[in-house]
Amino acid sequence: MRVSLRDLFAKTTLYSPKDKYVIVSLGKDAQLDDLLPRLYAFSSITFEKDEISLVLTRSLWSRYSSRYKGVKVAGPYRLIAFDIAIDLDVCGYFAMISRLLAEANVSIIPVSTYLRDYILVRETDHRKAFMTINRFLRRQREAETGNRQ
């Protein structure tokens, strides 16, 4: 059975930890032995051919940043999590969220995992982004409820 995007949006809830996050670009040969065991939800590591990219809390990064040289750091960001597990074959879900936030002039950095999608937004845009998405989700729930009656 194919699930509609409206149904998925109607079932989506958001959560947003109070933590502030940074995105860090390290050299491709950086040693993460001390840092890796200390990462916790939410954190992300991407190994690329030219860099290692980390998303982690600003507080954790501040404790370890002096161990790394020549890094690039962006932030602070806030995380918004889409608390719904979406099949990996679903098309258009994130495109709609991206369009909504682009229309609100909010830049996003998407991060996807097997079970969930997340976005990082500038701390200064967090409230606007969260409210914009929540308003949209509420309209989807109302429309879905109206269709069932």
C-alpha atoms as a PDB file:
ATOM      1  CA  MET A   1       0.000   0.000   0.000  1.00  0.00           C
ATOM      2  CA  ARG A   2       1.370   3.392  -1.001  1.00  0.00           C
ATOM      3  CA  VAL A   3       1.119   6.110   1.645  1.00  0.00           C
ATOM      4  CA  SER A   4       0.294   9.662   0.567  1.00  0.00           C
ATOM      5  CA  LEU A   5       2.562  12.556   1.449  1.00  0.00           C
ATOM      6  CA  ARG A   6      -0.371  14.243   3.195  1.00  0.00           C
ATOM      7  CA  ASP A   7      -0.782  11.186   5.411  1.00  0.00           C
ATOM      8  CA  LEU A   8       2.937  11.180   6.238  1.00  0.00           C
ATOM      9  CA  PHE A   9       2.901  14.897   7.044  1.00  0.00           C
ATOM     10  CA  ALA A  10      -0.237  14.421   9.164  1.00  0.00           C
ATOM     11  CA  LYS A  11       1.612  11.791  11.214  1.00  0.00           C
ATOM     12  CA  THR A  12       4.838  13.785  11.537  1.00  0.00           C
ATOM     13  CA  THR A  13       5.803  15.430  14.782  1.00  0.00           C
ATOM     14  CA  LEU A  14       8.828  17.595  15.391  1.00  0.00           C
ATOM     15  CA  TYR A  15      11.275  17.768  18.206  1.00  0.00           C
ATOM     16  CA  SER A  16      14.201  20.072  18.714  1.00  0.00           C
ATOM     17  CA  PRO A  17      16.839  19.569  21.391  1.00  0.00           C
ATOM     18  CA  LYS A  18      17.946  22.713  23.218  1.00  0.00           C
ATOM     19  CA  ASP A  19      21.573  22.023  22.252  1.00  0.00           C
ATOM     20  CA  LYS A  20      23.445  24.251  19.862  1.00  0.00           C
ATOM     21  CA  TYR A  21      25.341  22.440  17.101  1.00  0.00           C
ATOM     22  CA  VAL A  22      28.356  23.118  14.923  1.00  0.00           C
ATOM     23  CA  ILE A  23      29.464  21.672  11.617  1.00  0.00           C
ATOM     24  CA  VAL A  24      33.174  20.953  11.554  1.00  0.00           C
ATOM     25  CA  SER A  25      35.393  20.206   8.579  1.00  0.00           C
ATOM     26  CA  LEU A  26      38.537  18.287   9.504  1.00  0.00           C
ATOM     27  CA  GLY A  27      41.372  17.101   7.332  1.00  0.00           C
ATOM     28  CA  LYS A  28      40.774  13.694   5.763  1.00  0.00           C
ATOM     29  CA  ASP A  29      43.481  12.148   7.957  1.00  0.00           C
ATOM     30  CA  ALA A  30      42.302  13.613  11.277  1.00  0.00           C
ATOM     31  CA  GLN A  31      42.417  11.196  14.200  1.00  0.00           C
ATOM     32  CA  LEU A  32      39.070  10.846  15.960  1.00  0.00           C
ATOM     33  CA  ASP A  33      40.038   8.230  18.551  1.00  0.00           C
ATOM     34  CA  ASP A  34      39.342  10.505  21.547  1.00  0.00           C
ATOM     35  CA  LEU A  35      36.258  12.163  20.096  1.00  0.00           C
ATOM     36  CA  LEU A  36      34.338   9.200  18.622  1.00  0.00           C
ATOM     37  CA  PRO A  37      33.455   7.477  21.908  1.00  0.00           C
ATOM     38  CA  ARG A  38      32.088  10.752  23.263  1.00  0.00           C
ATOM     39  CA  LEU A  39      29.647  11.468  20.442  1.00  0.00           C
ATOM     40  CA  TYR A  40      26.003  11.011  21.349  1.00  0.00           C
ATOM     41  CA  ALA A  41      22.575  11.655  19.866  1.00  0.00           C
ATOM     42  CA  PHE A  42      22.479  13.744  17.776  1.00  0.00           C
ATOM     43  CA  SER A  43      25.859  13.549  16.021  1.00  0.00           C
ATOM     44  CA  SER A  44      26.854  12.795  12.470  1.00  0.00           C
ATOM     45  CA  ILE A  45      30.135  11.886  10.795  1.00  0.00           C
ATOM     46  CA  THR A  46      30.748  11.826   7.065  1.00  0.00           C
ATOM     47  CA  PHE A  47      34.029  10.613   5.617  1.00  0.00           C
ATOM     48  CA  GLU A  48      34.720  12.099   2.191  1.00  0.00           C
ATOM     49  CA  LYS A  49      37.702  11.992  -0.119  1.00  0.00           C
ATOM     50  CA  ASP A  50      38.836  15.482   0.967  1.00  0.00           C
ATOM     51  CA  GLU A  51      37.568  15.834   4.533  1.00  0.00           C
ATOM     52  CA  ILE A  52      35.881  14.417   7.565  1.00  0.00           C
ATOM     53  CA  SER A  53      32.730  16.372   8.319  1.00  0.00           C
ATOM     54  CA  LEU A  54      31.209  16.334  11.804  1.00  0.00           C
ATOM     55  CA  VAL A  55      27.944  17.586  13.221  1.00  0.00           C
ATOM     56  CA  LEU A  56      28.067  17.698  16.998  1.00  0.00           C
ATOM     57  CA  THR A  57      27.058  19.843  19.924  1.00  0.00           C
ATOM     58  CA  ARG A  58      28.951  23.069  20.338  1.00  0.00           C
ATOM     59  CA  SER A  59      29.724  22.162  23.958  1.00  0.00           C
ATOM     60  CA  LEU A  60      31.348  18.853  22.988  1.00  0.00           C
ATOM     61  CA  TRP A  61      33.333  20.490  20.190  1.00  0.00           C
ATOM     62  CA  SER A  62      34.608  23.174  22.564  1.00  0.00           C
ATOM     63  CA  ARG A  63      36.125  20.468  24.786  1.00  0.00           C
ATOM     64  CA  TYR A  64      38.031  18.835  21.885  1.00  0.00           C
ATOM     65  CA  SER A  65      38.652  21.613  19.353  1.00  0.00           C
ATOM     66  CA  SER A  66      42.154  22.443  20.608  1.00  0.00           C
ATOM     67  CA  ARG A  67      43.329  18.976  19.485  1.00  0.00           C
ATOM     68  CA  TYR A  68      42.674  19.781  15.822  1.00  0.00           C
ATOM     69  CA  LYS A  69      44.463  22.273  13.590  1.00  0.00           C
ATOM     70  CA  GLY A  70      43.327  23.864  10.330  1.00  0.00           C
ATOM     71  CA  VAL A  71      39.641  23.150  10.861  1.00  0.00           C
ATOM     72  CA  LYS A  72      36.622  25.025   9.561  1.00  0.00           C
ATOM     73  CA  VAL A  73      33.694  25.484  11.927  1.00  0.00           C
ATOM     74  CA  ALA A  74      30.215  26.814  11.151  1.00  0.00           C
ATOM     75  CA  GLY A  75      27.440  27.525  13.609  1.00  0.00           C
ATOM     76  CA  PRO A  76      25.724  27.771  15.933  1.00  0.00           C
ATOM     77  CA  TYR A  77      22.870  25.743  14.502  1.00  0.00           C
ATOM     78  CA  ARG A  78      19.772  24.213  16.036  1.00  0.00           C
ATOM     79  CA  LEU A  79      18.472  20.796  15.099  1.00  0.00           C
ATOM     80  CA  ILE A  80      14.907  20.064  14.045  1.00  0.00           C
ATOM     81  CA  ALA A  81      14.027  16.379  13.926  1.00  0.00           C
ATOM     82  CA  PHE A  82      11.145  14.911  11.930  1.00  0.00           C
ATOM     83  CA  ASP A  83       9.877  12.247  14.289  1.00  0.00           C
ATOM     84  CA  ILE A  84       8.510   9.785  11.776  1.00  0.00           C
ATOM     85  CA  ALA A  85      10.157   6.794  10.149  1.00  0.00           C
ATOM     86  CA  ILE A  86       9.735   7.185   6.398  1.00  0.00           C
ATOM     87  CA  ASP A  87      10.321   4.418   3.889  1.00  0.00           C
ATOM     88  CA  LEU A  88      13.449   5.089   1.871  1.00  0.00           C
ATOM     89  CA  ASP A  89      11.438   4.935  -1.372  1.00  0.00           C
ATOM     90  CA  VAL A  90       9.184   7.900  -0.509  1.00  0.00           C
ATOM     91  CA  CYS A  91       9.608  10.804  -2.928  1.00  0.00           C
ATOM     92  CA  GLY A  92       8.798  14.451  -2.280  1.00  0.00           C
ATOM     93  CA  TYR A  93       8.602  14.544   1.515  1.00  0.00           C
ATOM     94  CA  PHE A  94      11.763  16.515   2.074  1.00  0.00           C
ATOM     95  CA  ALA A  95      11.263  18.575  -1.086  1.00  0.00           C
ATOM     96  CA  MET A  96       8.101  20.052   0.425  1.00  0.00           C
ATOM     97  CA  ILE A  97       9.850  20.932   3.696  1.00  0.00           C
ATOM     98  CA  SER A  98      12.743  22.465   1.789  1.00  0.00           C
ATOM     99  CA  ARG A  99      10.380  24.561  -0.349  1.00  0.00           C
ATOM    100  CA  LEU A 100       8.455  25.818   2.688  1.00  0.00           C
ATOM    101  CA  LEU A 101      11.611  26.954   4.407  1.00  0.00           C
ATOM    102  CA  ALA A 102      13.082  28.468   1.254  1.00  0.00           C
ATOM    103  CA  GLU A 103       9.914  30.545   0.899  1.00  0.00           C
ATOM    104  CA  ALA A 104      10.429  31.654   4.526  1.00  0.00           C
ATOM    105  CA  ASN A 105      14.043  32.563   3.654  1.00  0.00           C
ATOM    106  CA  VAL A 106      15.479  29.920   6.005  1.00  0.00           C
ATOM    107  CA  SER A 107      18.616  28.123   4.898  1.00  0.00           C
ATOM    108  CA  ILE A 108      18.734  24.443   5.859  1.00  0.00           C
ATOM    109  CA  ILE A 109      21.334  21.730   6.097  1.00  0.00           C
ATOM    110  CA  PRO A 110      19.550  18.381   5.741  1.00  0.00           C
ATOM    111  CA  VAL A 111      20.846  15.278   7.465  1.00  0.00           C
ATOM    112  CA  SER A 112      19.167  11.941   6.832  1.00  0.00           C
ATOM    113  CA  THR A 113      19.578   8.625   8.559  1.00  0.00           C
ATOM    114  CA  TYR A 114      18.008   5.259   7.925  1.00  0.00           C
ATOM    115  CA  LEU A 115      15.032   6.008  10.177  1.00  0.00           C
ATOM    116  CA  ARG A 116      14.663   9.785  10.327  1.00  0.00           C
ATOM    117  CA  ASP A 117      15.319  13.101   8.676  1.00  0.00           C
ATOM    118  CA  TYR A 118      16.748  16.164  10.366  1.00  0.00           C
ATOM    119  CA  ILE A 119      17.599  19.699   9.435  1.00  0.00           C
ATOM    120  CA  LEU A 120      20.062  22.110  10.910  1.00  0.00           C
ATOM    121  CA  VAL A 121      19.071  25.767  10.805  1.00  0.00           C
ATOM    122  CA  ARG A 122      20.933  28.823  11.970  1.00  0.00           C
ATOM    123  CA  GLU A 123      20.154  29.472  15.604  1.00  0.00           C
ATOM    124  CA  THR A 124      18.678  32.853  14.640  1.00  0.00           C
ATOM    125  CA  ASP A 125      16.221  31.132  12.240  1.00  0.00           C
ATOM    126  CA  HIS A 126      15.199  28.309  14.546  1.00  0.00           C
ATOM    127  CA  ARG A 127      11.917  29.752  15.829  1.00  0.00           C
ATOM    128  CA  LYS A 128      10.776  30.804  12.352  1.00  0.00           C
ATOM    129  CA  ALA A 129      11.680  27.409  10.868  1.00  0.00           C
ATOM    130  CA  PHE A 130      10.021  25.422  13.645  1.00  0.00           C
ATOM    131  CA  MET A 131       6.828  27.514  13.502  1.00  0.00           C
ATOM    132  CA  THR A 132       6.678  27.364   9.678  1.00  0.00           C
ATOM    133  CA  ILE A 133       6.933  23.579   9.628  1.00  0.00           C
ATOM    134  CA  ASN A 134       4.545  23.104  12.547  1.00  0.00           C
ATOM    135  CA  ARG A 135       1.914  25.319  10.893  1.00  0.00           C
ATOM    136  CA  PHE A 136       2.184  23.256   7.709  1.00  0.00           C
ATOM    137  CA  LEU A 137       1.953  19.951   9.623  1.00  0.00           C
ATOM    138  CA  ARG A 138      -1.097  21.174  11.541  1.00  0.00           C
ATOM    139  CA  ARG A 139      -2.836  22.051   8.242  1.00  0.00           C
ATOM    140  CA  GLN A 140      -2.039  18.584   6.926  1.00  0.00           C
ATOM    141  CA  ARG A 141      -3.511  16.960  10.054  1.00  0.00           C
ATOM    142  CA  GLU A 142      -6.640  19.085   9.759  1.00  0.00           C
ATOM    143  CA  ALA A 143      -7.039  18.204   6.068  1.00  0.00           C
ATOM    144  CA  GLU A 144      -6.471  14.510   6.798  1.00  0.00           C
ATOM    145  CA  THR A 145      -9.075  14.578   9.579  1.00  0.00           C
ATOM    146  CA  GLY A 146     -11.542  16.382   7.278  1.00  0.00           C
ATOM    147  CA  ASN A 147     -11.076  13.725   4.605  1.00  0.00           C
ATOM    148  CA  ARG A 148     -12.019  10.966   7.051  1.00  0.00           C
ATOM    149  CA  GLN A 149     -15.252  12.585   8.201  1.00  0.00           C
END
